[in-house]
Amino acid sequence: MTSMVGRVSGFRELFEILQRNVRDAGKWWPAETKFEILVGSVLTQNTTWTSVEKSLENLRKRGLLDPMQLVRVESCELETLIRPSGFMRAKARYLKNLTDWYIKTDARAGEIDTPTLRNSLLQVPGVGEETADDILLYAYDRPVFIFDAYARRLLAAAGLGEFRTYRQGRQACDAAWRAEGFTVAELALFHGLVVQAGKDARREGSWEGILRA
């Protein structure tokens, strides 16, 4: 499904093609608060969003989508509540780590430049590059492109390069998409479209219909 089915001129053209050919991606990232975005970014690691929604609802009912409450809850209870998302012990630790970071950093995040804020997130155990960029884009309105697995498959199919890892995609393409003048709102929509396009391509077994001119 990653074989090239068409060549586009760049990220802007790819964005416009997705807007034409992919059904409405809805509100993405779906969350009621900034902190909920952070929680969701950890829970979604290696699982489906449907599973994440179940965990978020458990946390919401328990009043734990509040950083001061989540940081105090017993780890065993937290593990039980997030069980639907899988890897519950590891994710419970990651959530505690990220919540501690949020409590210490959020109030002054607006004064921190994007590279420094990104590096700060990457120092948090359990936060990798994709999770950090999800948080930067959706919680802190920073201009980043999410080079997740769906995006890398799409870029390969569109003839914009084949990248085995998140870091390879970012290093190779960061300058290219930045040069095309995307706003933060467009980048947020772009990722939502990419996710939906990836689901559509997986269902159809091809990127061909999605990448038609």
N, C-alpha and C. Protein backbone atom coordinates (compact mmCIF):
# COMPACT_ATOMS: atom_id res chain seq x y z
N MET A 1 0.81 -1.21 0.00
CA MET A 1 0.00 0.00 0.00
C MET A 1 0.85 1.26 0.00
N THR A 2 2.17 1.10 0.21
CA THR A 2 3.03 2.27 0.23
C THR A 2 3.67 2.56 -1.13
N SER A 3 3.42 1.76 -2.13
CA SER A 3 4.01 2.01 -3.43
C SER A 3 3.46 3.31 -4.01
N MET A 4 4.30 4.00 -4.81
CA MET A 4 3.91 5.29 -5.34
C MET A 4 2.76 5.15 -6.34
N VAL A 5 1.70 5.92 -6.13
CA VAL A 5 0.57 5.88 -7.06
C VAL A 5 0.39 7.23 -7.75
N GLY A 6 1.15 8.20 -7.36
CA GLY A 6 1.04 9.51 -7.99
C GLY A 6 2.04 10.45 -7.38
N ARG A 7 2.47 11.43 -8.15
CA ARG A 7 3.47 12.36 -7.64
C ARG A 7 2.83 13.74 -7.49
N VAL A 8 2.99 14.33 -6.34
CA VAL A 8 2.50 15.68 -6.10
C VAL A 8 3.70 16.61 -5.95
N SER A 9 3.47 17.89 -6.11
CA SER A 9 4.58 18.84 -6.13
C SER A 9 5.11 19.20 -4.76
N GLY A 10 4.30 19.01 -3.74
CA GLY A 10 4.75 19.37 -2.41
C GLY A 10 3.64 19.21 -1.38
N PHE A 11 3.92 19.68 -0.18
CA PHE A 11 2.97 19.51 0.92
C PHE A 11 1.70 20.32 0.73
N ARG A 12 1.79 21.48 0.15
CA ARG A 12 0.59 22.29 -0.07
C ARG A 12 -0.36 21.60 -1.04
N GLU A 13 0.17 21.06 -2.14
CA GLU A 13 -0.69 20.34 -3.09
C GLU A 13 -1.28 19.11 -2.43
N LEU A 14 -0.49 18.41 -1.63
CA LEU A 14 -0.99 17.22 -0.96
C LEU A 14 -2.13 17.59 0.00
N PHE A 15 -1.98 18.68 0.71
CA PHE A 15 -3.02 19.16 1.62
C PHE A 15 -4.30 19.46 0.85
N GLU A 16 -4.18 20.10 -0.28
CA GLU A 16 -5.37 20.45 -1.07
C GLU A 16 -6.04 19.20 -1.64
N ILE A 17 -5.25 18.21 -2.04
CA ILE A 17 -5.82 16.95 -2.54
C ILE A 17 -6.61 16.26 -1.43
N LEU A 18 -6.05 16.22 -0.23
CA LEU A 18 -6.75 15.59 0.88
C LEU A 18 -8.04 16.34 1.22
N GLN A 19 -8.01 17.64 1.15
CA GLN A 19 -9.23 18.42 1.42
C GLN A 19 -10.33 18.08 0.42
N ARG A 20 -9.95 17.81 -0.82
CA ARG A 20 -10.95 17.47 -1.84
C ARG A 20 -11.45 16.04 -1.71
N ASN A 21 -10.57 15.12 -1.36
CA ASN A 21 -10.88 13.70 -1.51
C ASN A 21 -11.15 12.94 -0.22
N VAL A 22 -10.88 13.55 0.91
CA VAL A 22 -11.09 12.87 2.19
C VAL A 22 -12.28 13.50 2.88
N ARG A 23 -13.15 12.65 3.38
CA ARG A 23 -14.32 13.20 4.07
C ARG A 23 -13.90 13.95 5.32
N ASP A 24 -14.77 14.80 5.80
CA ASP A 24 -14.47 15.66 6.94
C ASP A 24 -13.82 14.88 8.07
N ALA A 25 -12.65 15.34 8.48
CA ALA A 25 -11.92 14.65 9.54
C ALA A 25 -12.47 15.02 10.92
N GLY A 26 -13.40 15.95 10.99
CA GLY A 26 -13.97 16.33 12.28
C GLY A 26 -12.99 17.16 13.09
N LYS A 27 -13.32 17.34 14.37
CA LYS A 27 -12.43 18.10 15.26
C LYS A 27 -11.28 17.21 15.69
N TRP A 28 -10.10 17.65 15.38
CA TRP A 28 -8.93 16.84 15.71
C TRP A 28 -7.84 17.77 16.19
N TRP A 29 -7.38 17.66 17.33
CA TRP A 29 -7.48 16.63 18.34
C TRP A 29 -8.77 16.79 19.16
N PRO A 30 -9.62 15.75 19.30
CA PRO A 30 -10.84 15.89 20.08
C PRO A 30 -10.54 15.91 21.58
N ALA A 31 -10.80 17.04 22.24
CA ALA A 31 -10.55 17.17 23.67
C ALA A 31 -11.25 18.41 24.19
N GLU A 32 -11.60 18.39 25.46
CA GLU A 32 -12.26 19.53 26.08
C GLU A 32 -11.28 20.52 26.68
N THR A 33 -10.09 20.06 27.05
CA THR A 33 -9.09 20.92 27.69
C THR A 33 -7.70 20.61 27.14
N LYS A 34 -6.79 21.53 27.41
CA LYS A 34 -5.39 21.33 27.03
C LYS A 34 -4.81 20.08 27.72
N PHE A 35 -5.10 19.94 28.99
CA PHE A 35 -4.55 18.80 29.72
C PHE A 35 -5.09 17.49 29.18
N GLU A 36 -6.34 17.47 28.75
CA GLU A 36 -6.89 16.25 28.17
C GLU A 36 -6.15 15.86 26.89
N ILE A 37 -5.68 16.86 26.14
CA ILE A 37 -4.87 16.57 24.95
C ILE A 37 -3.60 15.83 25.35
N LEU A 38 -2.95 16.29 26.42
CA LEU A 38 -1.74 15.63 26.88
C LEU A 38 -2.02 14.19 27.30
N VAL A 39 -3.10 14.00 28.04
CA VAL A 39 -3.46 12.66 28.48
C VAL A 39 -3.73 11.76 27.28
N GLY A 40 -4.51 12.26 26.33
CA GLY A 40 -4.82 11.49 25.14
C GLY A 40 -3.59 11.14 24.31
N SER A 41 -2.61 12.05 24.30
CA SER A 41 -1.41 11.80 23.50
C SER A 41 -0.60 10.63 24.03
N VAL A 42 -0.68 10.38 25.33
CA VAL A 42 -0.02 9.21 25.92
C VAL A 42 -0.86 7.96 25.71
N LEU A 43 -2.15 8.08 25.97
CA LEU A 43 -3.02 6.90 25.87
C LEU A 43 -3.07 6.34 24.45
N THR A 44 -2.93 7.19 23.44
CA THR A 44 -3.09 6.74 22.05
C THR A 44 -1.87 5.99 21.52
N GLN A 45 -0.80 5.94 22.30
CA GLN A 45 0.38 5.21 21.85
C GLN A 45 0.05 3.72 21.67
N ASN A 46 0.27 3.23 20.46
CA ASN A 46 0.12 1.80 20.15
C ASN A 46 -1.29 1.26 20.40
N THR A 47 -2.30 2.10 20.14
CA THR A 47 -3.67 1.62 20.26
C THR A 47 -4.58 2.46 19.39
N THR A 48 -5.86 2.14 19.37
CA THR A 48 -6.82 2.87 18.56
C THR A 48 -7.46 3.99 19.37
N TRP A 49 -7.98 5.00 18.66
CA TRP A 49 -8.62 6.10 19.36
C TRP A 49 -9.90 5.65 20.06
N THR A 50 -10.56 4.64 19.52
CA THR A 50 -11.77 4.11 20.18
C THR A 50 -11.43 3.61 21.58
N SER A 51 -10.30 2.95 21.73
CA SER A 51 -9.86 2.48 23.04
C SER A 51 -9.51 3.64 23.95
N VAL A 52 -8.88 4.66 23.38
CA VAL A 52 -8.51 5.85 24.15
C VAL A 52 -9.75 6.53 24.71
N GLU A 53 -10.79 6.63 23.90
CA GLU A 53 -12.03 7.28 24.34
C GLU A 53 -12.61 6.59 25.57
N LYS A 54 -12.52 5.28 25.62
CA LYS A 54 -13.03 4.54 26.79
C LYS A 54 -12.22 4.90 28.04
N SER A 55 -10.90 4.98 27.88
CA SER A 55 -10.06 5.34 29.02
C SER A 55 -10.32 6.78 29.46
N LEU A 56 -10.45 7.68 28.50
CA LEU A 56 -10.71 9.07 28.84
C LEU A 56 -12.04 9.23 29.58
N GLU A 57 -13.03 8.47 29.15
CA GLU A 57 -14.32 8.55 29.82
C GLU A 57 -14.22 8.03 31.27
N ASN A 58 -13.44 6.99 31.47
CA ASN A 58 -13.22 6.49 32.82
C ASN A 58 -12.56 7.55 33.69
N LEU A 59 -11.56 8.22 33.13
CA LEU A 59 -10.86 9.27 33.87
C LEU A 59 -11.78 10.46 34.15
N ARG A 60 -12.59 10.78 33.16
CA ARG A 60 -13.50 11.92 33.32
C ARG A 60 -14.51 11.66 34.45
N LYS A 61 -15.06 10.48 34.48
CA LYS A 61 -16.04 10.14 35.52
C LYS A 61 -15.41 10.18 36.91
N ARG A 62 -14.14 9.89 36.99
CA ARG A 62 -13.43 9.87 38.27
C ARG A 62 -12.85 11.25 38.62
N GLY A 63 -13.02 12.24 37.71
CA GLY A 63 -12.51 13.58 37.95
C GLY A 63 -11.01 13.70 37.79
N LEU A 64 -10.42 12.81 36.97
CA LEU A 64 -8.97 12.77 36.86
C LEU A 64 -8.42 13.44 35.60
N LEU A 65 -9.29 14.13 34.86
CA LEU A 65 -8.77 14.94 33.75
C LEU A 65 -8.45 16.35 34.26
N ASP A 66 -7.95 16.36 35.45
CA ASP A 66 -7.46 17.54 36.15
C ASP A 66 -6.06 17.20 36.65
N PRO A 67 -5.04 17.98 36.29
CA PRO A 67 -3.67 17.59 36.63
C PRO A 67 -3.43 17.42 38.13
N MET A 68 -4.03 18.27 38.95
CA MET A 68 -3.79 18.18 40.38
C MET A 68 -4.44 16.94 41.00
N GLN A 69 -5.47 16.44 40.35
CA GLN A 69 -6.10 15.20 40.81
C GLN A 69 -5.36 13.98 40.29
N LEU A 70 -4.98 14.03 39.01
CA LEU A 70 -4.31 12.86 38.42
C LEU A 70 -2.96 12.60 39.07
N VAL A 71 -2.24 13.67 39.41
CA VAL A 71 -0.90 13.49 39.97
C VAL A 71 -0.96 12.83 41.35
N ARG A 72 -2.12 12.91 42.03
CA ARG A 72 -2.25 12.36 43.38
C ARG A 72 -2.85 10.96 43.41
N VAL A 73 -3.50 10.54 42.34
CA VAL A 73 -4.21 9.26 42.37
C VAL A 73 -3.21 8.10 42.48
N GLU A 74 -3.64 7.05 43.16
CA GLU A 74 -2.78 5.87 43.28
C GLU A 74 -2.58 5.23 41.91
N SER A 75 -1.37 4.79 41.65
CA SER A 75 -1.03 4.22 40.35
C SER A 75 -1.90 3.00 40.03
N CYS A 76 -2.22 2.18 41.02
CA CYS A 76 -3.02 0.98 40.76
C CYS A 76 -4.42 1.37 40.28
N GLU A 77 -4.99 2.44 40.83
CA GLU A 77 -6.31 2.88 40.38
C GLU A 77 -6.21 3.45 38.97
N LEU A 78 -5.17 4.23 38.72
CA LEU A 78 -4.98 4.80 37.39
C LEU A 78 -4.83 3.70 36.35
N GLU A 79 -4.08 2.68 36.66
CA GLU A 79 -3.91 1.55 35.73
C GLU A 79 -5.24 0.92 35.38
N THR A 80 -6.09 0.74 36.37
CA THR A 80 -7.39 0.13 36.13
C THR A 80 -8.25 0.99 35.21
N LEU A 81 -8.22 2.29 35.43
CA LEU A 81 -9.05 3.21 34.65
C LEU A 81 -8.62 3.29 33.19
N ILE A 82 -7.32 3.15 32.93
CA ILE A 82 -6.83 3.29 31.55
C ILE A 82 -6.61 1.93 30.88
N ARG A 83 -7.06 0.87 31.51
CA ARG A 83 -6.87 -0.48 30.96
C ARG A 83 -7.31 -0.60 29.50
N PRO A 84 -8.44 0.04 29.07
CA PRO A 84 -8.86 -0.12 27.66
C PRO A 84 -7.80 0.30 26.64
N SER A 85 -6.87 1.17 27.03
CA SER A 85 -5.85 1.64 26.09
C SER A 85 -4.64 0.73 26.01
N GLY A 86 -4.58 -0.31 26.85
CA GLY A 86 -3.46 -1.23 26.81
C GLY A 86 -2.21 -0.67 27.46
N PHE A 87 -1.24 -1.56 27.72
CA PHE A 87 0.05 -1.15 28.31
C PHE A 87 -0.18 -0.27 29.54
N MET A 88 -1.13 -0.68 30.39
CA MET A 88 -1.64 0.20 31.43
C MET A 88 -0.58 0.58 32.46
N ARG A 89 0.34 -0.32 32.80
CA ARG A 89 1.35 0.01 33.80
C ARG A 89 2.32 1.06 33.27
N ALA A 90 2.78 0.85 32.06
CA ALA A 90 3.70 1.82 31.47
C ALA A 90 3.02 3.16 31.26
N LYS A 91 1.80 3.14 30.73
CA LYS A 91 1.11 4.39 30.45
C LYS A 91 0.74 5.14 31.72
N ALA A 92 0.46 4.41 32.78
CA ALA A 92 0.19 5.08 34.06
C ALA A 92 1.43 5.84 34.53
N ARG A 93 2.60 5.24 34.40
CA ARG A 93 3.84 5.93 34.75
C ARG A 93 4.05 7.14 33.86
N TYR A 94 3.83 6.95 32.56
CA TYR A 94 4.03 8.06 31.62
C TYR A 94 3.09 9.22 31.94
N LEU A 95 1.84 8.89 32.28
CA LEU A 95 0.87 9.94 32.60
C LEU A 95 1.29 10.71 33.85
N LYS A 96 1.80 10.02 34.83
CA LYS A 96 2.28 10.68 36.04
C LYS A 96 3.46 11.61 35.69
N ASN A 97 4.37 11.11 34.88
CA ASN A 97 5.53 11.92 34.48
C ASN A 97 5.10 13.17 33.73
N LEU A 98 4.21 12.99 32.76
CA LEU A 98 3.79 14.11 31.93
C LEU A 98 2.94 15.10 32.73
N THR A 99 2.16 14.60 33.66
CA THR A 99 1.36 15.50 34.50
C THR A 99 2.27 16.35 35.37
N ASP A 100 3.32 15.76 35.89
CA ASP A 100 4.29 16.53 36.68
C ASP A 100 4.93 17.61 35.82
N TRP A 101 5.28 17.25 34.58
CA TRP A 101 5.85 18.25 33.65
C TRP A 101 4.85 19.38 33.41
N TYR A 102 3.61 19.03 33.20
CA TYR A 102 2.57 20.02 32.91
C TYR A 102 2.41 20.98 34.08
N ILE A 103 2.35 20.47 35.27
CA ILE A 103 2.17 21.32 36.45
C ILE A 103 3.34 22.31 36.58
N LYS A 104 4.53 21.86 36.27
CA LYS A 104 5.71 22.71 36.42
C LYS A 104 5.93 23.66 35.24
N THR A 105 5.42 23.30 34.06
CA THR A 105 5.81 24.01 32.83
C THR A 105 4.70 24.80 32.16
N ASP A 106 3.46 24.34 32.27
CA ASP A 106 2.39 24.92 31.45
C ASP A 106 2.25 26.43 31.60
N ALA A 107 2.30 26.94 32.81
CA ALA A 107 2.05 28.37 33.04
C ALA A 107 3.05 29.26 32.32
N ARG A 108 4.26 28.76 32.09
CA ARG A 108 5.27 29.57 31.42
C ARG A 108 5.59 29.08 30.01
N ALA A 109 4.79 28.13 29.51
CA ALA A 109 5.07 27.56 28.19
C ALA A 109 5.06 28.62 27.09
N GLY A 110 4.19 29.63 27.23
CA GLY A 110 4.11 30.68 26.22
C GLY A 110 5.39 31.49 26.08
N GLU A 111 6.24 31.45 27.08
CA GLU A 111 7.49 32.20 27.04
C GLU A 111 8.64 31.36 26.49
N ILE A 112 8.38 30.09 26.19
CA ILE A 112 9.42 29.17 25.75
C ILE A 112 9.33 28.96 24.26
N ASP A 113 10.43 29.08 23.54
CA ASP A 113 10.40 28.87 22.09
C ASP A 113 10.15 27.40 21.79
N THR A 114 9.68 27.14 20.57
CA THR A 114 9.23 25.79 20.21
C THR A 114 10.32 24.73 20.32
N PRO A 115 11.54 24.95 19.81
CA PRO A 115 12.56 23.91 19.95
C PRO A 115 12.87 23.58 21.41
N THR A 116 12.92 24.60 22.26
CA THR A 116 13.21 24.36 23.68
C THR A 116 12.07 23.62 24.35
N LEU A 117 10.83 24.01 24.02
CA LEU A 117 9.67 23.33 24.59
C LEU A 117 9.63 21.87 24.14
N ARG A 118 9.96 21.64 22.88
CA ARG A 118 9.99 20.27 22.37
C ARG A 118 11.05 19.44 23.09
N ASN A 119 12.23 20.00 23.28
CA ASN A 119 13.29 19.28 23.98
C ASN A 119 12.89 18.98 25.42
N SER A 120 12.18 19.92 26.03
CA SER A 120 11.70 19.71 27.40
C SER A 120 10.74 18.53 27.46
N LEU A 121 9.83 18.46 26.51
CA LEU A 121 8.90 17.33 26.45
C LEU A 121 9.62 16.01 26.23
N LEU A 122 10.63 16.03 25.38
CA LEU A 122 11.36 14.80 25.07
C LEU A 122 12.17 14.28 26.25
N GLN A 123 12.37 15.11 27.26
CA GLN A 123 13.06 14.67 28.47
C GLN A 123 12.13 13.91 29.41
N VAL A 124 10.82 13.96 29.14
CA VAL A 124 9.85 13.29 29.99
C VAL A 124 9.80 11.81 29.62
N PRO A 125 10.08 10.90 30.56
CA PRO A 125 9.99 9.47 30.24
C PRO A 125 8.60 9.10 29.72
N GLY A 126 8.58 8.45 28.56
CA GLY A 126 7.33 8.06 27.94
C GLY A 126 6.87 8.97 26.83
N VAL A 127 7.56 10.09 26.65
CA VAL A 127 7.21 11.04 25.58
C VAL A 127 8.26 10.94 24.47
N GLY A 128 7.83 10.38 23.33
CA GLY A 128 8.70 10.31 22.16
C GLY A 128 8.42 11.46 21.21
N GLU A 129 9.01 11.40 20.04
CA GLU A 129 8.90 12.52 19.10
C GLU A 129 7.47 12.75 18.64
N GLU A 130 6.76 11.69 18.32
CA GLU A 130 5.38 11.85 17.85
C GLU A 130 4.49 12.42 18.95
N THR A 131 4.62 11.89 20.15
CA THR A 131 3.82 12.39 21.27
C THR A 131 4.14 13.85 21.54
N ALA A 132 5.42 14.20 21.54
CA ALA A 132 5.82 15.59 21.78
C ALA A 132 5.22 16.52 20.73
N ASP A 133 5.25 16.11 19.47
CA ASP A 133 4.73 16.97 18.41
C ASP A 133 3.21 17.07 18.46
N ASP A 134 2.53 15.98 18.84
CA ASP A 134 1.08 16.05 19.04
C ASP A 134 0.76 17.13 20.07
N ILE A 135 1.49 17.12 21.18
CA ILE A 135 1.26 18.08 22.25
C ILE A 135 1.57 19.50 21.80
N LEU A 136 2.68 19.67 21.10
CA LEU A 136 3.06 21.01 20.62
C LEU A 136 2.00 21.59 19.70
N LEU A 137 1.51 20.77 18.76
CA LEU A 137 0.55 21.26 17.77
C LEU A 137 -0.81 21.54 18.40
N TYR A 138 -1.33 20.57 19.13
CA TYR A 138 -2.73 20.67 19.56
C TYR A 138 -2.92 21.33 20.92
N ALA A 139 -1.94 21.21 21.81
CA ALA A 139 -2.08 21.84 23.12
C ALA A 139 -1.47 23.23 23.16
N TYR A 140 -0.38 23.44 22.41
CA TYR A 140 0.35 24.70 22.51
C TYR A 140 0.39 25.50 21.22
N ASP A 141 -0.37 25.07 20.22
CA ASP A 141 -0.51 25.83 18.97
C ASP A 141 0.84 26.18 18.33
N ARG A 142 1.73 25.20 18.32
CA ARG A 142 3.03 25.39 17.68
C ARG A 142 3.01 24.74 16.30
N PRO A 143 3.66 25.36 15.32
CA PRO A 143 3.64 24.82 13.95
C PRO A 143 4.56 23.62 13.79
N VAL A 144 3.97 22.44 13.79
CA VAL A 144 4.73 21.21 13.56
C VAL A 144 3.91 20.30 12.64
N PHE A 145 4.59 19.46 11.91
CA PHE A 145 3.94 18.44 11.08
C PHE A 145 4.14 17.10 11.76
N ILE A 146 3.08 16.30 11.83
CA ILE A 146 3.14 15.00 12.51
C ILE A 146 3.53 13.92 11.50
N PHE A 147 4.75 13.40 11.63
CA PHE A 147 5.26 12.39 10.70
C PHE A 147 4.98 10.98 11.23
N ASP A 148 3.71 10.72 11.56
CA ASP A 148 3.36 9.40 12.08
C ASP A 148 3.36 8.37 10.95
N ALA A 149 2.99 7.14 11.29
CA ALA A 149 3.04 6.06 10.29
C ALA A 149 2.14 6.35 9.11
N TYR A 150 0.92 6.85 9.35
CA TYR A 150 0.02 7.19 8.26
C TYR A 150 0.65 8.23 7.35
N ALA A 151 1.24 9.26 7.94
CA ALA A 151 1.84 10.33 7.14
C ALA A 151 2.99 9.81 6.29
N ARG A 152 3.82 8.96 6.86
CA ARG A 152 4.96 8.44 6.11
C ARG A 152 4.51 7.55 4.95
N ARG A 153 3.45 6.76 5.17
CA ARG A 153 2.93 5.95 4.07
C ARG A 153 2.34 6.84 2.97
N LEU A 154 1.65 7.89 3.39
CA LEU A 154 1.06 8.82 2.43
C LEU A 154 2.14 9.53 1.63
N LEU A 155 3.19 9.98 2.29
CA LEU A 155 4.28 10.67 1.59
C LEU A 155 4.92 9.74 0.57
N ALA A 156 5.08 8.48 0.93
CA ALA A 156 5.66 7.52 -0.01
C ALA A 156 4.75 7.33 -1.22
N ALA A 157 3.46 7.19 -0.96
CA ALA A 157 2.51 6.98 -2.06
C ALA A 157 2.43 8.21 -2.96
N ALA A 158 2.63 9.39 -2.39
CA ALA A 158 2.55 10.64 -3.16
C ALA A 158 3.86 10.98 -3.86
N GLY A 159 4.90 10.19 -3.66
CA GLY A 159 6.17 10.45 -4.30
C GLY A 159 7.00 11.52 -3.62
N LEU A 160 6.72 11.76 -2.34
CA LEU A 160 7.45 12.80 -1.60
C LEU A 160 8.55 12.23 -0.71
N GLY A 161 8.81 10.95 -0.85
CA GLY A 161 9.91 10.35 -0.10
C GLY A 161 9.46 9.17 0.76
N GLU A 162 10.36 8.23 0.96
CA GLU A 162 10.08 7.08 1.80
C GLU A 162 10.94 7.15 3.06
N PHE A 163 10.29 7.10 4.20
CA PHE A 163 10.98 7.30 5.47
C PHE A 163 10.57 6.20 6.44
N ARG A 164 11.57 5.49 6.94
CA ARG A 164 11.30 4.34 7.81
C ARG A 164 10.89 4.78 9.21
N THR A 165 11.43 5.89 9.67
CA THR A 165 11.16 6.33 11.04
C THR A 165 10.61 7.76 11.06
N TYR A 166 10.03 8.10 12.19
CA TYR A 166 9.51 9.45 12.40
C TYR A 166 10.63 10.48 12.22
N ARG A 167 11.76 10.20 12.82
CA ARG A 167 12.88 11.15 12.77
C ARG A 167 13.38 11.35 11.34
N GLN A 168 13.45 10.27 10.57
CA GLN A 168 13.89 10.41 9.18
C GLN A 168 12.95 11.32 8.41
N GLY A 169 11.66 11.15 8.56
CA GLY A 169 10.70 12.00 7.88
C GLY A 169 10.85 13.45 8.29
N ARG A 170 10.98 13.69 9.57
CA ARG A 170 11.10 15.05 10.08
C ARG A 170 12.37 15.73 9.57
N GLN A 171 13.47 15.01 9.64
CA GLN A 171 14.74 15.60 9.21
C GLN A 171 14.75 15.90 7.72
N ALA A 172 14.13 15.02 6.94
CA ALA A 172 14.14 15.19 5.48
C ALA A 172 13.16 16.25 5.00
N CYS A 173 12.03 16.40 5.68
CA CYS A 173 10.92 17.20 5.14
C CYS A 173 10.58 18.46 5.91
N ASP A 174 11.16 18.67 7.06
CA ASP A 174 10.77 19.81 7.88
C ASP A 174 10.90 21.13 7.13
N ALA A 175 12.02 21.31 6.44
CA ALA A 175 12.23 22.57 5.72
C ALA A 175 11.22 22.73 4.58
N ALA A 176 10.85 21.61 3.94
CA ALA A 176 9.94 21.67 2.78
C ALA A 176 8.56 22.16 3.17
N TRP A 177 7.95 21.57 4.20
CA TRP A 177 6.60 22.00 4.55
C TRP A 177 6.61 23.39 5.17
N ARG A 178 7.66 23.73 5.90
CA ARG A 178 7.74 25.07 6.49
C ARG A 178 7.80 26.15 5.41
N ALA A 179 8.45 25.84 4.31
CA ALA A 179 8.59 26.82 3.23
C ALA A 179 7.26 27.09 2.52
N GLU A 180 6.25 26.25 2.76
CA GLU A 180 4.98 26.40 2.06
C GLU A 180 3.93 27.18 2.85
N GLY A 181 4.34 27.78 3.96
CA GLY A 181 3.50 28.76 4.64
C GLY A 181 2.25 28.24 5.32
N PHE A 182 2.31 27.08 5.93
CA PHE A 182 1.15 26.55 6.63
C PHE A 182 0.91 27.28 7.95
N THR A 183 -0.35 27.54 8.25
CA THR A 183 -0.71 28.06 9.56
C THR A 183 -0.86 26.90 10.54
N VAL A 184 -0.91 27.21 11.82
CA VAL A 184 -1.11 26.17 12.83
C VAL A 184 -2.46 25.47 12.61
N ALA A 185 -3.48 26.26 12.30
CA ALA A 185 -4.81 25.68 12.05
C ALA A 185 -4.78 24.71 10.87
N GLU A 186 -4.06 25.07 9.81
CA GLU A 186 -3.96 24.19 8.65
C GLU A 186 -3.22 22.91 9.01
N LEU A 187 -2.15 23.03 9.80
CA LEU A 187 -1.39 21.85 10.20
C LEU A 187 -2.22 20.91 11.07
N ALA A 188 -3.05 21.50 11.94
CA ALA A 188 -3.93 20.68 12.77
C ALA A 188 -4.93 19.93 11.90
N LEU A 189 -5.51 20.62 10.92
CA LEU A 189 -6.43 19.96 9.99
C LEU A 189 -5.70 18.93 9.13
N PHE A 190 -4.51 19.27 8.68
CA PHE A 190 -3.70 18.38 7.85
C PHE A 190 -3.55 17.02 8.54
N HIS A 191 -3.18 17.03 9.81
CA HIS A 191 -2.98 15.77 10.52
C HIS A 191 -4.29 14.99 10.60
N GLY A 192 -5.39 15.68 10.88
CA GLY A 192 -6.68 15.00 10.93
C GLY A 192 -7.02 14.36 9.59
N LEU A 193 -6.74 15.07 8.51
CA LEU A 193 -6.99 14.53 7.17
C LEU A 193 -6.10 13.33 6.87
N VAL A 194 -4.85 13.41 7.30
CA VAL A 194 -3.92 12.30 7.09
C VAL A 194 -4.40 11.05 7.83
N VAL A 195 -4.84 11.23 9.06
CA VAL A 195 -5.34 10.08 9.84
C VAL A 195 -6.53 9.44 9.14
N GLN A 196 -7.48 10.27 8.72
CA GLN A 196 -8.65 9.73 8.04
C GLN A 196 -8.27 9.09 6.71
N ALA A 197 -7.35 9.72 5.98
CA ALA A 197 -6.89 9.17 4.70
C ALA A 197 -6.23 7.81 4.91
N GLY A 198 -5.45 7.69 5.98
CA GLY A 198 -4.81 6.42 6.27
C GLY A 198 -5.82 5.32 6.55
N LYS A 199 -6.86 5.66 7.30
CA LYS A 199 -7.91 4.67 7.58
C LYS A 199 -8.63 4.28 6.29
N ASP A 200 -8.91 5.28 5.43
CA ASP A 200 -9.59 5.00 4.17
C ASP A 200 -8.73 4.11 3.28
N ALA A 201 -7.43 4.43 3.20
CA ALA A 201 -6.53 3.66 2.35
C ALA A 201 -6.39 2.22 2.84
N ARG A 202 -6.36 2.05 4.15
CA ARG A 202 -6.27 0.70 4.72
C ARG A 202 -7.52 -0.10 4.38
N ARG A 203 -8.68 0.55 4.47
CA ARG A 203 -9.94 -0.13 4.16
C ARG A 203 -10.02 -0.48 2.67
N GLU A 204 -9.57 0.44 1.81
CA GLU A 204 -9.68 0.24 0.36
C GLU A 204 -8.50 -0.53 -0.22
N GLY A 205 -7.43 -0.65 0.55
CA GLY A 205 -6.26 -1.36 0.09
C GLY A 205 -5.40 -0.59 -0.87
N SER A 206 -5.61 0.71 -0.97
CA SER A 206 -4.86 1.54 -1.91
C SER A 206 -4.99 3.01 -1.56
N TRP A 207 -3.97 3.80 -1.95
CA TRP A 207 -4.02 5.25 -1.81
C TRP A 207 -4.55 5.91 -3.09
N GLU A 208 -4.83 5.10 -4.10
CA GLU A 208 -5.13 5.64 -5.44
C GLU A 208 -6.31 6.61 -5.42
N GLY A 209 -7.43 6.22 -4.81
CA GLY A 209 -8.59 7.08 -4.82
C GLY A 209 -8.36 8.36 -4.03
N ILE A 210 -7.57 8.28 -2.96
CA ILE A 210 -7.31 9.44 -2.13
C ILE A 210 -6.41 10.44 -2.83
N LEU A 211 -5.48 9.95 -3.65
CA LEU A 211 -4.50 10.83 -4.29
C LEU A 211 -4.88 11.23 -5.71
N ARG A 212 -6.09 10.94 -6.13
CA ARG A 212 -6.47 11.36 -7.48
C ARG A 212 -6.47 12.89 -7.54
N ALA A 213 -6.11 13.42 -8.68
CA ALA A 213 -5.99 14.89 -8.84
C ALA A 213 -7.35 15.55 -8.76
